[in-house]
Amino acid sequence: MYRPTRAGEPANDALLAKAIDNYKVAGEKIQDPLWKRRSLEFLVSAYGPDKLNDPTMAEPIVKQMIELDPSDPGNYFQLAQIYENSGEYELAEQTFLKAKEAKASDPNVYMQIAGYYNRQGDFPKTIEYLNQRIGIEPNNPEAHYTVSTYYWDKAYRDFRLKDAEKLDMVLKGIESVDKAIAIKSDYMEAIAYKNLLLRLQANLIKNPAEQQRLIREADQLRDKAEEMRKAKTAAAQ
């Protein structure tokens, strides 16, 4: 019943206070592991940015959740996010890496760690963990496709890079997207992204003939992706 948009209104704030009291009681008294965890999750949410915004209160609760189930990487992600939002970057990094120790077989763990390093501006580490994800699911086309999107984004948006550095990233992105398409030939998103990578490659080279060849190939891929999109839309109707 609490409404974040009405924060500051005494009656509305009282609802959140009552909810917190009940979540605490539930977390202490409920024996069922699932409901105990849910109670703690709601309690953490009550201290989140859209409610009380008190990470110092949320931290010990998430730590308790980790103690209850140390194999669940999601709890480590929550704790790491609290540290990251508070500017405790070393603790955030350590906690993300503990999630990997908890469940190294989970592809999402590597995506979460890569996302953290990307937010910190550490592109080599970002790619390292995206590639570690590929290491545990090499036949997942989405894993290869994701790497290609990071290379394109870095080459396209980071104006501090020299053209040679951008070109190297574009070529690595093409290599990754080609692997995705080789695994799944009708991967529409990957085909569309290769089109973008080829256009960026054309902008980074000096040979006019090669530029035109790359643009023609990009046009073909763009048209193919559009045809696939239309076919998919028609099939869904």
C-alpha atoms as a PDB file:
ATOM      1  CA  MET A   1       0.000   0.000   0.000  1.00  0.00           C
ATOM      2  CA  TYR A   2       3.021   2.294   0.361  1.00  0.00           C
ATOM      3  CA  ARG A   3       3.510   4.707  -2.551  1.00  0.00           C
ATOM      4  CA  PRO A   4       7.051   6.061  -3.196  1.00  0.00           C
ATOM      5  CA  THR A   5       5.538   9.032  -5.048  1.00  0.00           C
ATOM      6  CA  ARG A   6       3.881  10.078  -1.791  1.00  0.00           C
ATOM      7  CA  ALA A   7       7.011   9.862   0.345  1.00  0.00           C
ATOM      8  CA  GLY A   8       6.955  12.453   3.090  1.00  0.00           C
ATOM      9  CA  GLU A   9       3.252  12.109   3.793  1.00  0.00           C
ATOM     10  CA  PRO A  10       2.937  10.844   7.383  1.00  0.00           C
ATOM     11  CA  ALA A  11       0.170   8.325   6.680  1.00  0.00           C
ATOM     12  CA  ASN A  12       2.006   6.912   3.663  1.00  0.00           C
ATOM     13  CA  ASP A  13       5.359   6.722   5.479  1.00  0.00           C
ATOM     14  CA  ALA A  14       3.684   4.911   8.359  1.00  0.00           C
ATOM     15  CA  LEU A  15       2.705   2.126   5.977  1.00  0.00           C
ATOM     16  CA  LEU A  16       6.354   1.535   5.070  1.00  0.00           C
ATOM     17  CA  ALA A  17       7.374   1.545   8.736  1.00  0.00           C
ATOM     18  CA  LYS A  18       4.714  -1.087   9.486  1.00  0.00           C
ATOM     19  CA  ALA A  19       5.823  -3.166   6.514  1.00  0.00           C
ATOM     20  CA  ILE A  20       9.433  -3.096   7.723  1.00  0.00           C
ATOM     21  CA  ASP A  21       8.392  -4.179  11.220  1.00  0.00           C
ATOM     22  CA  ASN A  22       6.453  -7.116   9.810  1.00  0.00           C
ATOM     23  CA  TYR A  23       9.221  -8.139   7.413  1.00  0.00           C
ATOM     24  CA  LYS A  24      11.632  -8.178  10.357  1.00  0.00           C
ATOM     25  CA  VAL A  25       9.302 -10.378  12.421  1.00  0.00           C
ATOM     26  CA  ALA A  26       8.769 -12.693   9.464  1.00  0.00           C
ATOM     27  CA  GLY A  27      12.505 -12.950   8.840  1.00  0.00           C
ATOM     28  CA  GLU A  28      13.085 -13.901  12.462  1.00  0.00           C
ATOM     29  CA  LYS A  29      10.188 -16.311  13.024  1.00  0.00           C
ATOM     30  CA  ILE A  30       9.416 -18.020   9.713  1.00  0.00           C
ATOM     31  CA  GLN A  31      11.118 -21.393   9.433  1.00  0.00           C
ATOM     32  CA  ASP A  32      10.326 -22.175   5.813  1.00  0.00           C
ATOM     33  CA  PRO A  33      13.524 -21.265   3.890  1.00  0.00           C
ATOM     34  CA  LEU A  34      11.675 -19.910   0.860  1.00  0.00           C
ATOM     35  CA  TRP A  35       9.375 -17.578   2.783  1.00  0.00           C
ATOM     36  CA  LYS A  36      12.167 -16.528   5.109  1.00  0.00           C
ATOM     37  CA  ARG A  37      14.219 -15.517   2.072  1.00  0.00           C
ATOM     38  CA  ARG A  38      11.263 -13.671   0.539  1.00  0.00           C
ATOM     39  CA  SER A  39      10.737 -11.731   3.760  1.00  0.00           C
ATOM     40  CA  LEU A  40      14.365 -10.666   3.784  1.00  0.00           C
ATOM     41  CA  GLU A  41      14.212  -9.718   0.103  1.00  0.00           C
ATOM     42  CA  PHE A  42      11.232  -7.442   0.751  1.00  0.00           C
ATOM     43  CA  LEU A  43      13.026  -5.976   3.755  1.00  0.00           C
ATOM     44  CA  VAL A  44      16.053  -5.165   1.603  1.00  0.00           C
ATOM     45  CA  SER A  45      13.727  -3.579  -0.960  1.00  0.00           C
ATOM     46  CA  ALA A  46      12.258  -1.352   1.749  1.00  0.00           C
ATOM     47  CA  TYR A  47      15.707   0.114   2.315  1.00  0.00           C
ATOM     48  CA  GLY A  48      16.298   0.497  -1.427  1.00  0.00           C
ATOM     49  CA  PRO A  49      16.795   3.701  -3.454  1.00  0.00           C
ATOM     50  CA  ASP A  50      13.087   4.109  -4.268  1.00  0.00           C
ATOM     51  CA  LYS A  51      12.035   3.867  -0.606  1.00  0.00           C
ATOM     52  CA  LEU A  52      14.183   4.628   2.448  1.00  0.00           C
ATOM     53  CA  ASN A  53      17.454   4.663   0.485  1.00  0.00           C
ATOM     54  CA  ASP A  54      19.484   3.379   3.422  1.00  0.00           C
ATOM     55  CA  PRO A  55      22.225   0.980   2.219  1.00  0.00           C
ATOM     56  CA  THR A  56      23.699   0.722   5.716  1.00  0.00           C
ATOM     57  CA  MET A  57      20.506  -1.028   6.823  1.00  0.00           C
ATOM     58  CA  ALA A  58      20.265  -3.179   3.703  1.00  0.00           C
ATOM     59  CA  GLU A  59      23.861  -4.480   3.873  1.00  0.00           C
ATOM     60  CA  PRO A  60      23.549  -6.722   6.983  1.00  0.00           C
ATOM     61  CA  ILE A  61      20.261  -8.154   5.691  1.00  0.00           C
ATOM     62  CA  VAL A  62      21.807  -9.188   2.376  1.00  0.00           C
ATOM     63  CA  LYS A  63      24.738 -10.672   4.264  1.00  0.00           C
ATOM     64  CA  GLN A  64      22.224 -12.725   6.252  1.00  0.00           C
ATOM     65  CA  MET A  65      20.668 -13.885   2.972  1.00  0.00           C
ATOM     66  CA  ILE A  66      24.115 -14.998   1.790  1.00  0.00           C
ATOM     67  CA  GLU A  67      24.590 -16.975   5.001  1.00  0.00           C
ATOM     68  CA  LEU A  68      21.221 -18.669   4.441  1.00  0.00           C
ATOM     69  CA  ASP A  69      22.129 -19.638   0.888  1.00  0.00           C
ATOM     70  CA  PRO A  70      25.795 -19.064   0.023  1.00  0.00           C
ATOM     71  CA  SER A  71      25.333 -20.822  -3.327  1.00  0.00           C
ATOM     72  CA  ASP A  72      22.890 -18.215  -4.688  1.00  0.00           C
ATOM     73  CA  PRO A  73      24.838 -15.655  -6.764  1.00  0.00           C
ATOM     74  CA  GLY A  74      21.863 -13.281  -6.767  1.00  0.00           C
ATOM     75  CA  ASN A  75      22.512 -12.417  -3.123  1.00  0.00           C
ATOM     76  CA  TYR A  76      26.102 -11.474  -3.921  1.00  0.00           C
ATOM     77  CA  PHE A  77      24.875  -9.292  -6.794  1.00  0.00           C
ATOM     78  CA  GLN A  78      22.604  -7.395  -4.413  1.00  0.00           C
ATOM     79  CA  LEU A  79      25.394  -6.849  -1.908  1.00  0.00           C
ATOM     80  CA  ALA A  80      27.830  -5.801  -4.642  1.00  0.00           C
ATOM     81  CA  GLN A  81      25.277  -3.319  -5.969  1.00  0.00           C
ATOM     82  CA  ILE A  82      24.913  -1.790  -2.517  1.00  0.00           C
ATOM     83  CA  TYR A  83      28.675  -1.335  -2.327  1.00  0.00           C
ATOM     84  CA  GLU A  84      28.889   0.035  -5.864  1.00  0.00           C
ATOM     85  CA  ASN A  85      26.092   2.544  -5.263  1.00  0.00           C
ATOM     86  CA  SER A  86      27.896   3.661  -2.107  1.00  0.00           C
ATOM     87  CA  GLY A  87      31.195   4.160  -3.933  1.00  0.00           C
ATOM     88  CA  GLU A  88      32.827   1.165  -2.222  1.00  0.00           C
ATOM     89  CA  TYR A  89      34.229  -0.138  -5.493  1.00  0.00           C
ATOM     90  CA  GLU A  90      36.841  -2.491  -4.065  1.00  0.00           C
ATOM     91  CA  LEU A  91      34.225  -4.217  -1.918  1.00  0.00           C
ATOM     92  CA  ALA A  92      31.858  -4.324  -4.886  1.00  0.00           C
ATOM     93  CA  GLU A  93      34.482  -6.015  -7.049  1.00  0.00           C
ATOM     94  CA  GLN A  94      35.352  -8.533  -4.339  1.00  0.00           C
ATOM     95  CA  THR A  95      31.686  -9.383  -3.872  1.00  0.00           C
ATOM     96  CA  PHE A  96      31.037  -9.845  -7.580  1.00  0.00           C
ATOM     97  CA  LEU A  97      33.996 -12.230  -7.696  1.00  0.00           C
ATOM     98  CA  LYS A  98      32.602 -14.146  -4.716  1.00  0.00           C
ATOM     99  CA  ALA A  99      29.469 -14.719  -6.796  1.00  0.00           C
ATOM    100  CA  LYS A 100      31.686 -16.485  -9.325  1.00  0.00           C
ATOM    101  CA  GLU A 101      33.148 -18.641  -6.561  1.00  0.00           C
ATOM    102  CA  ALA A 102      29.622 -19.477  -5.425  1.00  0.00           C
ATOM    103  CA  LYS A 103      28.403 -20.611  -8.840  1.00  0.00           C
ATOM    104  CA  ALA A 104      31.051 -20.626 -11.536  1.00  0.00           C
ATOM    105  CA  SER A 105      28.770 -22.576 -13.880  1.00  0.00           C
ATOM    106  CA  ASP A 106      26.193 -19.766 -14.113  1.00  0.00           C
ATOM    107  CA  PRO A 107      26.581 -17.677 -17.311  1.00  0.00           C
ATOM    108  CA  ASN A 108      24.785 -14.749 -15.680  1.00  0.00           C
ATOM    109  CA  VAL A 109      27.593 -14.455 -13.137  1.00  0.00           C
ATOM    110  CA  TYR A 110      30.018 -13.522 -15.902  1.00  0.00           C
ATOM    111  CA  MET A 111      27.551 -11.074 -17.422  1.00  0.00           C
ATOM    112  CA  GLN A 112      27.125  -9.357 -14.051  1.00  0.00           C
ATOM    113  CA  ILE A 113      30.882  -9.111 -13.504  1.00  0.00           C
ATOM    114  CA  ALA A 114      31.438  -7.862 -17.059  1.00  0.00           C
ATOM    115  CA  GLY A 115      28.726  -5.260 -16.518  1.00  0.00           C
ATOM    116  CA  TYR A 116      30.446  -4.062 -13.362  1.00  0.00           C
ATOM    117  CA  TYR A 117      33.807  -3.648 -15.085  1.00  0.00           C
ATOM    118  CA  ASN A 118      32.132  -1.917 -18.005  1.00  0.00           C
ATOM    119  CA  ARG A 119      30.529   0.614 -15.664  1.00  0.00           C
ATOM    120  CA  GLN A 120      33.971   1.178 -14.151  1.00  0.00           C
ATOM    121  CA  GLY A 121      35.453   1.853 -17.587  1.00  0.00           C
ATOM    122  CA  ASP A 122      37.666  -1.245 -17.567  1.00  0.00           C
ATOM    123  CA  PHE A 123      37.074  -2.545 -21.077  1.00  0.00           C
ATOM    124  CA  PRO A 124      39.755  -5.291 -21.061  1.00  0.00           C
ATOM    125  CA  LYS A 125      38.221  -6.813 -17.921  1.00  0.00           C
ATOM    126  CA  THR A 126      34.768  -6.487 -19.453  1.00  0.00           C
ATOM    127  CA  ILE A 127      35.807  -8.504 -22.492  1.00  0.00           C
ATOM    128  CA  GLU A 128      37.706 -10.989 -20.314  1.00  0.00           C
ATOM    129  CA  TYR A 129      34.578 -11.952 -18.424  1.00  0.00           C
ATOM    130  CA  LEU A 130      32.368 -11.957 -21.504  1.00  0.00           C
ATOM    131  CA  ASN A 131      34.815 -14.435 -22.989  1.00  0.00           C
ATOM    132  CA  GLN A 132      34.793 -16.479 -19.787  1.00  0.00           C
ATOM    133  CA  ARG A 133      31.061 -16.775 -20.258  1.00  0.00           C
ATOM    134  CA  ILE A 134      31.695 -18.128 -23.751  1.00  0.00           C
ATOM    135  CA  GLY A 135      34.060 -20.624 -22.181  1.00  0.00           C
ATOM    136  CA  ILE A 136      31.193 -22.273 -20.297  1.00  0.00           C
ATOM    137  CA  GLU A 137      28.623 -22.064 -23.107  1.00  0.00           C
ATOM    138  CA  PRO A 138      30.584 -21.968 -26.385  1.00  0.00           C
ATOM    139  CA  ASN A 139      27.587 -23.046 -28.456  1.00  0.00           C
ATOM    140  CA  ASN A 140      25.319 -20.248 -27.284  1.00  0.00           C
ATOM    141  CA  PRO A 141      25.121 -17.758 -30.186  1.00  0.00           C
ATOM    142  CA  GLU A 142      23.906 -14.999 -27.870  1.00  0.00           C
ATOM    143  CA  ALA A 143      27.157 -15.180 -25.891  1.00  0.00           C
ATOM    144  CA  HIS A 144      29.218 -14.467 -29.024  1.00  0.00           C
ATOM    145  CA  TYR A 145      26.755 -11.840 -30.222  1.00  0.00           C
ATOM    146  CA  THR A 146      26.997 -10.009 -26.898  1.00  0.00           C
ATOM    147  CA  VAL A 147      30.777  -9.710 -27.247  1.00  0.00           C
ATOM    148  CA  SER A 148      30.339  -8.179 -30.694  1.00  0.00           C
ATOM    149  CA  THR A 149      27.950  -5.522 -29.335  1.00  0.00           C
ATOM    150  CA  TYR A 150      30.465  -4.461 -26.699  1.00  0.00           C
ATOM    151  CA  TYR A 151      33.215  -4.132 -29.320  1.00  0.00           C
ATOM    152  CA  TRP A 152      30.978  -2.054 -31.592  1.00  0.00           C
ATOM    153  CA  ASP A 153      29.850   0.200 -28.753  1.00  0.00           C
ATOM    154  CA  LYS A 154      33.428   0.829 -27.624  1.00  0.00           C
ATOM    155  CA  ALA A 155      34.713   1.536 -31.134  1.00  0.00           C
ATOM    156  CA  TYR A 156      31.753   3.746 -32.010  1.00  0.00           C
ATOM    157  CA  ARG A 157      31.471   5.783 -28.815  1.00  0.00           C
ATOM    158  CA  ASP A 158      34.965   6.115 -27.361  1.00  0.00           C
ATOM    159  CA  PHE A 159      36.419   9.119 -29.173  1.00  0.00           C
ATOM    160  CA  ARG A 160      39.667   8.805 -27.239  1.00  0.00           C
ATOM    161  CA  LEU A 161      40.628   5.770 -29.293  1.00  0.00           C
ATOM    162  CA  LYS A 162      42.837   6.063 -32.347  1.00  0.00           C
ATOM    163  CA  ASP A 163      41.444   4.784 -35.642  1.00  0.00           C
ATOM    164  CA  ALA A 164      43.785   1.793 -35.560  1.00  0.00           C
ATOM    165  CA  GLU A 165      42.476   0.824 -32.121  1.00  0.00           C
ATOM    166  CA  LYS A 166      38.888   1.244 -33.284  1.00  0.00           C
ATOM    167  CA  LEU A 167      39.540  -0.876 -36.352  1.00  0.00           C
ATOM    168  CA  ASP A 168      41.047  -3.636 -34.230  1.00  0.00           C
ATOM    169  CA  MET A 169      37.928  -3.679 -32.060  1.00  0.00           C
ATOM    170  CA  VAL A 170      35.640  -3.686 -35.076  1.00  0.00           C
ATOM    171  CA  LEU A 171      37.464  -6.670 -36.560  1.00  0.00           C
ATOM    172  CA  LYS A 172      37.209  -8.525 -33.258  1.00  0.00           C
ATOM    173  CA  GLY A 173      33.532  -7.670 -33.158  1.00  0.00           C
ATOM    174  CA  ILE A 174      33.036  -9.064 -36.657  1.00  0.00           C
ATOM    175  CA  GLU A 175      34.867 -12.221 -35.652  1.00  0.00           C
ATOM    176  CA  SER A 176      32.519 -12.635 -32.688  1.00  0.00           C
ATOM    177  CA  VAL A 177      29.339 -11.933 -34.620  1.00  0.00           C
ATOM    178  CA  ASP A 178      30.414 -14.344 -37.355  1.00  0.00           C
ATOM    179  CA  LYS A 179      30.662 -17.063 -34.708  1.00  0.00           C
ATOM    180  CA  ALA A 180      27.142 -16.250 -33.548  1.00  0.00           C
ATOM    181  CA  ILE A 181      25.787 -16.469 -37.106  1.00  0.00           C
ATOM    182  CA  ALA A 182      27.698 -19.693 -37.756  1.00  0.00           C
ATOM    183  CA  ILE A 183      25.900 -21.264 -34.794  1.00  0.00           C
ATOM    184  CA  LYS A 184      22.502 -19.770 -35.668  1.00  0.00           C
ATOM    185  CA  SER A 185      22.209 -18.788 -39.318  1.00  0.00           C
ATOM    186  CA  ASP A 186      18.849 -17.035 -38.837  1.00  0.00           C
ATOM    187  CA  TYR A 187      20.047 -14.901 -35.907  1.00  0.00           C
ATOM    188  CA  MET A 188      18.391 -11.668 -37.009  1.00  0.00           C
ATOM    189  CA  GLU A 189      19.948  -9.436 -34.347  1.00  0.00           C
ATOM    190  CA  ALA A 190      23.451 -10.696 -35.102  1.00  0.00           C
ATOM    191  CA  ILE A 191      22.962 -10.178 -38.842  1.00  0.00           C
ATOM    192  CA  ALA A 192      21.762  -6.623 -38.224  1.00  0.00           C
ATOM    193  CA  TYR A 193      24.734  -5.949 -35.946  1.00  0.00           C
ATOM    194  CA  LYS A 194      27.230  -7.239 -38.466  1.00  0.00           C
ATOM    195  CA  ASN A 195      25.792  -4.657 -40.826  1.00  0.00           C
ATOM    196  CA  LEU A 196      26.672  -1.936 -38.290  1.00  0.00           C
ATOM    197  CA  LEU A 197      30.154  -3.316 -37.730  1.00  0.00           C
ATOM    198  CA  LEU A 198      30.892  -3.410 -41.465  1.00  0.00           C
ATOM    199  CA  ARG A 199      29.777   0.193 -41.887  1.00  0.00           C
ATOM    200  CA  LEU A 200      32.041   1.253 -39.054  1.00  0.00           C
ATOM    201  CA  GLN A 201      34.891  -0.707 -40.607  1.00  0.00           C
ATOM    202  CA  ALA A 202      34.288   1.101 -43.912  1.00  0.00           C
ATOM    203  CA  ASN A 203      34.569   4.454 -42.141  1.00  0.00           C
ATOM    204  CA  LEU A 204      37.911   3.471 -40.622  1.00  0.00           C
ATOM    205  CA  ILE A 205      39.776   2.360 -43.741  1.00  0.00           C
ATOM    206  CA  LYS A 206      41.216   4.439 -46.590  1.00  0.00           C
ATOM    207  CA  ASN A 207      40.791   2.145 -49.590  1.00  0.00           C
ATOM    208  CA  PRO A 208      37.712   3.406 -51.561  1.00  0.00           C
ATOM    209  CA  ALA A 209      37.154   0.097 -53.344  1.00  0.00           C
ATOM    210  CA  GLU A 210      37.232  -1.841 -50.104  1.00  0.00           C
ATOM    211  CA  GLN A 211      34.942   0.726 -48.504  1.00  0.00           C
ATOM    212  CA  GLN A 212      32.357   0.200 -51.240  1.00  0.00           C
ATOM    213  CA  ARG A 213      32.608  -3.574 -50.931  1.00  0.00           C
ATOM    214  CA  LEU A 214      32.003  -3.389 -47.192  1.00  0.00           C
ATOM    215  CA  ILE A 215      29.040  -1.060 -47.643  1.00  0.00           C
ATOM    216  CA  ARG A 216      27.481  -3.358 -50.254  1.00  0.00           C
ATOM    217  CA  GLU A 217      27.833  -6.303 -47.895  1.00  0.00           C
ATOM    218  CA  ALA A 218      26.390  -4.220 -45.061  1.00  0.00           C
ATOM    219  CA  ASP A 219      23.414  -3.259 -47.256  1.00  0.00           C
ATOM    220  CA  GLN A 220      22.752  -6.908 -48.041  1.00  0.00           C
ATOM    221  CA  LEU A 221      22.829  -7.824 -44.365  1.00  0.00           C
ATOM    222  CA  ARG A 222      20.580  -4.903 -43.463  1.00  0.00           C
ATOM    223  CA  ASP A 223      18.039  -5.957 -46.075  1.00  0.00           C
ATOM    224  CA  LYS A 224      18.237  -9.589 -44.958  1.00  0.00           C
ATOM    225  CA  ALA A 225      17.638  -8.631 -41.336  1.00  0.00           C
ATOM    226  CA  GLU A 226      14.677  -6.472 -42.352  1.00  0.00           C
ATOM    227  CA  GLU A 227      13.156  -9.311 -44.377  1.00  0.00           C
ATOM    228  CA  MET A 228      13.561 -11.635 -41.420  1.00  0.00           C
ATOM    229  CA  ARG A 229      11.937  -9.089 -39.130  1.00  0.00           C
ATOM    230  CA  LYS A 230       8.955  -8.716 -41.449  1.00  0.00           C
ATOM    231  CA  ALA A 231       8.584 -12.487 -41.770  1.00  0.00           C
ATOM    232  CA  LYS A 232       8.699 -12.865 -38.002  1.00  0.00           C
ATOM    233  CA  THR A 233       6.074 -10.148 -37.534  1.00  0.00           C
ATOM    234  CA  ALA A 234       3.806 -11.729 -40.170  1.00  0.00           C
ATOM    235  CA  ALA A 235       4.124 -15.153 -38.563  1.00  0.00           C
ATOM    236  CA  ALA A 236       3.113 -13.725 -35.202  1.00  0.00           C
ATOM    237  CA  GLN A 237      -0.090 -12.165 -36.536  1.00  0.00           C
END
